[in-house]
């Protein structure tokens, strides 16, 4: 059974624009913004720093959030996290 999520249809309740920041800026912004997202809702982070992909997925695994994936927008990434705790 394929449970792949089409990220183009995901509706985030909060979008964080961290495109002008180098890591760890986007990750820190995600941490700060997670408080505004309820359990089960989606946070979207925009980042121009490719290291955010790995850093964000590791942070999610450590804390128990679900890293849904990334869309490459050509110049920046749109990363999606589902709050689980």
N, C-alpha and C. Protein backbone atom coordinates (compact mmCIF):
# COMPACT_ATOMS: atom_id res chain seq x y z
N UNK A 1 0.84 -1.19 0.00
CA UNK A 1 0.00 0.00 0.00
C UNK A 1 0.89 1.24 0.00
N UNK A 2 0.65 2.14 -0.91
CA UNK A 2 1.44 3.37 -1.03
C UNK A 2 0.82 4.45 -0.15
N UNK A 3 1.58 4.91 0.83
CA UNK A 3 1.10 5.96 1.73
C UNK A 3 1.82 7.28 1.50
N UNK A 4 2.38 7.44 0.31
CA UNK A 4 3.10 8.67 -0.03
C UNK A 4 2.14 9.86 -0.01
N UNK A 5 2.60 10.93 0.60
CA UNK A 5 1.82 12.16 0.68
C UNK A 5 2.21 13.07 -0.48
N UNK A 6 1.22 13.62 -1.16
CA UNK A 6 1.48 14.60 -2.21
C UNK A 6 1.65 15.96 -1.53
N UNK A 7 2.90 16.37 -1.36
CA UNK A 7 3.19 17.60 -0.63
C UNK A 7 2.58 18.84 -1.30
N UNK A 8 2.32 18.75 -2.59
CA UNK A 8 1.71 19.89 -3.28
C UNK A 8 0.28 20.14 -2.81
N UNK A 9 -0.34 19.17 -2.16
CA UNK A 9 -1.72 19.33 -1.69
C UNK A 9 -1.78 19.58 -0.18
N UNK A 10 -0.64 19.53 0.50
CA UNK A 10 -0.61 19.73 1.95
C UNK A 10 -0.87 21.19 2.28
N UNK A 11 -1.76 21.41 3.24
CA UNK A 11 -2.07 22.78 3.68
C UNK A 11 -1.47 22.99 5.08
N UNK A 12 -0.45 23.81 5.13
CA UNK A 12 0.19 24.12 6.41
C UNK A 12 -0.63 25.18 7.14
N UNK A 13 -0.69 25.07 8.47
CA UNK A 13 -1.38 26.09 9.26
C UNK A 13 -0.47 27.28 9.53
N UNK A 14 0.83 27.07 9.38
CA UNK A 14 1.80 28.16 9.57
C UNK A 14 2.94 27.95 8.58
N UNK A 15 3.37 29.05 7.96
CA UNK A 15 4.52 29.03 7.04
C UNK A 15 5.58 29.95 7.60
N UNK A 16 6.81 29.43 7.70
CA UNK A 16 7.94 30.20 8.20
C UNK A 16 8.87 30.48 7.02
N UNK A 17 9.09 31.75 6.72
CA UNK A 17 9.98 32.14 5.62
C UNK A 17 11.37 32.41 6.19
N UNK A 18 12.26 31.41 6.05
CA UNK A 18 13.64 31.54 6.53
C UNK A 18 14.62 31.46 5.37
N UNK A 19 14.18 31.89 4.19
CA UNK A 19 15.02 31.79 2.99
C UNK A 19 16.30 32.61 3.08
N UNK A 20 16.29 33.70 3.82
CA UNK A 20 17.47 34.57 3.90
C UNK A 20 18.46 34.11 4.96
N UNK A 21 18.14 33.04 5.68
CA UNK A 21 18.98 32.58 6.79
C UNK A 21 19.82 31.37 6.41
N UNK A 22 21.03 31.35 6.96
CA UNK A 22 21.86 30.15 6.86
C UNK A 22 21.57 29.28 8.08
N UNK A 23 21.82 27.99 7.95
CA UNK A 23 21.62 27.10 9.09
C UNK A 23 22.58 27.50 10.19
N UNK A 24 22.15 27.49 11.43
CA UNK A 24 20.94 26.84 11.95
C UNK A 24 19.71 27.74 11.99
N UNK A 25 19.72 28.89 11.33
CA UNK A 25 18.59 29.82 11.38
C UNK A 25 17.24 29.20 11.05
N UNK A 26 17.10 28.51 9.91
CA UNK A 26 15.80 27.91 9.59
C UNK A 26 15.33 26.89 10.64
N UNK A 27 16.26 26.12 11.17
CA UNK A 27 15.89 25.15 12.21
C UNK A 27 15.43 25.86 13.48
N UNK A 28 16.12 26.90 13.87
CA UNK A 28 15.73 27.67 15.06
C UNK A 28 14.36 28.31 14.87
N UNK A 29 14.08 28.81 13.66
CA UNK A 29 12.77 29.39 13.36
C UNK A 29 11.68 28.32 13.43
N UNK A 30 11.99 27.12 12.95
CA UNK A 30 11.03 26.02 13.03
C UNK A 30 10.73 25.67 14.48
N UNK A 31 11.77 25.61 15.30
CA UNK A 31 11.59 25.31 16.73
C UNK A 31 10.69 26.35 17.40
N UNK A 32 10.95 27.64 17.11
CA UNK A 32 10.16 28.71 17.71
C UNK A 32 8.71 28.67 17.23
N UNK A 33 8.51 28.34 15.98
CA UNK A 33 7.18 28.38 15.38
C UNK A 33 6.33 27.17 15.71
N UNK A 34 6.94 26.08 16.12
CA UNK A 34 6.18 24.86 16.40
C UNK A 34 5.15 25.09 17.51
N UNK A 35 5.40 26.02 18.40
CA UNK A 35 4.45 26.33 19.46
C UNK A 35 3.13 26.88 18.97
N UNK A 36 3.12 27.43 17.76
CA UNK A 36 1.90 27.99 17.18
C UNK A 36 1.09 26.96 16.40
N UNK A 37 1.61 25.74 16.35
CA UNK A 37 0.98 24.67 15.58
C UNK A 37 0.44 23.62 16.56
N UNK A 38 -0.80 23.23 16.39
CA UNK A 38 -1.39 22.22 17.26
C UNK A 38 -0.96 20.82 16.83
N UNK A 39 -1.03 19.87 17.76
CA UNK A 39 -0.72 18.47 17.46
C UNK A 39 -1.59 18.02 16.29
N UNK A 40 -0.96 17.41 15.30
CA UNK A 40 -1.66 16.93 14.11
C UNK A 40 -1.66 17.92 12.96
N UNK A 41 -1.25 19.16 13.22
CA UNK A 41 -1.21 20.18 12.17
C UNK A 41 0.18 20.24 11.53
N UNK A 42 0.26 20.95 10.40
CA UNK A 42 1.48 21.01 9.59
C UNK A 42 2.13 22.38 9.68
N UNK A 43 3.46 22.36 9.85
CA UNK A 43 4.30 23.54 9.77
C UNK A 43 5.11 23.45 8.49
N UNK A 44 5.14 24.54 7.72
CA UNK A 44 5.93 24.59 6.49
C UNK A 44 7.06 25.60 6.69
N UNK A 45 8.28 25.18 6.35
CA UNK A 45 9.46 26.04 6.49
C UNK A 45 10.05 26.25 5.11
N UNK A 46 10.30 27.50 4.77
CA UNK A 46 10.99 27.83 3.52
C UNK A 46 12.45 28.10 3.86
N UNK A 47 13.35 27.42 3.18
CA UNK A 47 14.78 27.59 3.46
C UNK A 47 15.59 27.57 2.17
N UNK A 48 16.55 28.47 2.09
CA UNK A 48 17.47 28.50 0.97
C UNK A 48 18.76 27.73 1.26
N UNK A 49 18.87 27.18 2.45
CA UNK A 49 20.06 26.44 2.87
C UNK A 49 19.77 24.94 2.80
N UNK A 50 20.46 24.24 1.91
CA UNK A 50 20.20 22.81 1.67
C UNK A 50 20.46 21.95 2.91
N UNK A 51 21.28 22.42 3.85
CA UNK A 51 21.56 21.61 5.05
C UNK A 51 20.33 21.53 5.96
N UNK A 52 19.36 22.41 5.74
CA UNK A 52 18.14 22.38 6.55
C UNK A 52 17.41 21.05 6.38
N UNK A 53 17.48 20.45 5.20
CA UNK A 53 16.80 19.17 4.97
C UNK A 53 17.22 18.12 6.01
N UNK A 54 18.50 17.91 6.15
CA UNK A 54 19.01 16.91 7.09
C UNK A 54 18.79 17.35 8.53
N UNK A 55 19.08 18.61 8.81
CA UNK A 55 18.94 19.11 10.19
C UNK A 55 17.50 19.01 10.67
N UNK A 56 16.55 19.36 9.82
CA UNK A 56 15.14 19.34 10.21
C UNK A 56 14.65 17.90 10.39
N UNK A 57 15.04 17.00 9.50
CA UNK A 57 14.60 15.61 9.63
C UNK A 57 15.17 14.96 10.88
N UNK A 58 16.43 15.28 11.23
CA UNK A 58 17.02 14.74 12.47
C UNK A 58 16.33 15.31 13.70
N UNK A 59 16.02 16.60 13.67
CA UNK A 59 15.32 17.24 14.78
C UNK A 59 13.95 16.60 14.99
N UNK A 60 13.24 16.35 13.89
CA UNK A 60 11.93 15.71 13.98
C UNK A 60 12.04 14.31 14.60
N UNK A 61 13.01 13.54 14.14
CA UNK A 61 13.20 12.19 14.67
C UNK A 61 13.53 12.21 16.16
N UNK A 62 14.33 13.19 16.56
CA UNK A 62 14.73 13.30 17.97
C UNK A 62 13.55 13.65 18.86
N UNK A 63 12.67 14.57 18.40
CA UNK A 63 11.57 15.04 19.23
C UNK A 63 10.28 14.26 19.05
N UNK A 64 10.16 13.53 17.94
CA UNK A 64 8.95 12.76 17.71
C UNK A 64 7.95 13.38 16.75
N UNK A 65 8.36 14.44 16.05
CA UNK A 65 7.49 15.02 15.02
C UNK A 65 7.69 14.22 13.73
N UNK A 66 6.75 14.34 12.80
CA UNK A 66 6.84 13.62 11.54
C UNK A 66 7.33 14.56 10.44
N UNK A 67 8.52 14.24 9.91
CA UNK A 67 9.07 14.99 8.78
C UNK A 67 8.41 14.44 7.52
N UNK A 68 7.61 15.27 6.86
CA UNK A 68 6.84 14.80 5.71
C UNK A 68 7.61 14.84 4.40
N UNK A 69 8.60 15.74 4.31
CA UNK A 69 9.39 15.82 3.09
C UNK A 69 9.62 17.25 2.64
N UNK A 70 10.11 17.35 1.42
CA UNK A 70 10.54 18.63 0.88
C UNK A 70 10.13 18.77 -0.58
N UNK A 71 9.82 20.00 -0.97
CA UNK A 71 9.61 20.35 -2.37
C UNK A 71 10.69 21.34 -2.73
N UNK A 72 11.45 21.05 -3.79
CA UNK A 72 12.49 21.95 -4.28
C UNK A 72 11.82 22.96 -5.21
N UNK A 73 11.81 24.21 -4.81
CA UNK A 73 11.17 25.27 -5.58
C UNK A 73 12.14 25.98 -6.52
N UNK A 74 13.35 25.44 -6.67
CA UNK A 74 14.33 26.08 -7.53
C UNK A 74 14.83 27.37 -6.91
N UNK A 75 15.73 27.27 -5.97
CA UNK A 75 16.24 28.43 -5.26
C UNK A 75 15.97 28.36 -3.77
N UNK A 76 14.95 27.63 -3.41
CA UNK A 76 14.68 27.39 -1.99
C UNK A 76 13.86 26.11 -1.84
N UNK A 77 13.86 25.59 -0.62
CA UNK A 77 13.11 24.38 -0.30
C UNK A 77 11.87 24.72 0.51
N UNK A 78 10.82 23.97 0.29
CA UNK A 78 9.62 24.02 1.13
C UNK A 78 9.61 22.71 1.91
N UNK A 79 9.80 22.78 3.22
CA UNK A 79 9.89 21.59 4.06
C UNK A 79 8.65 21.51 4.94
N UNK A 80 8.17 20.28 5.16
CA UNK A 80 6.91 20.07 5.85
C UNK A 80 7.10 19.18 7.07
N UNK A 81 6.56 19.64 8.20
CA UNK A 81 6.65 18.90 9.47
C UNK A 81 5.25 18.82 10.07
N UNK A 82 4.88 17.62 10.48
CA UNK A 82 3.62 17.42 11.18
C UNK A 82 3.91 17.33 12.67
N UNK A 83 3.28 18.17 13.45
CA UNK A 83 3.49 18.16 14.89
C UNK A 83 2.82 16.92 15.49
N UNK A 84 3.59 16.15 16.23
CA UNK A 84 3.08 14.90 16.79
C UNK A 84 2.98 14.92 18.31
N UNK A 85 3.67 15.86 18.96
CA UNK A 85 3.64 15.92 20.42
C UNK A 85 3.35 17.33 20.88
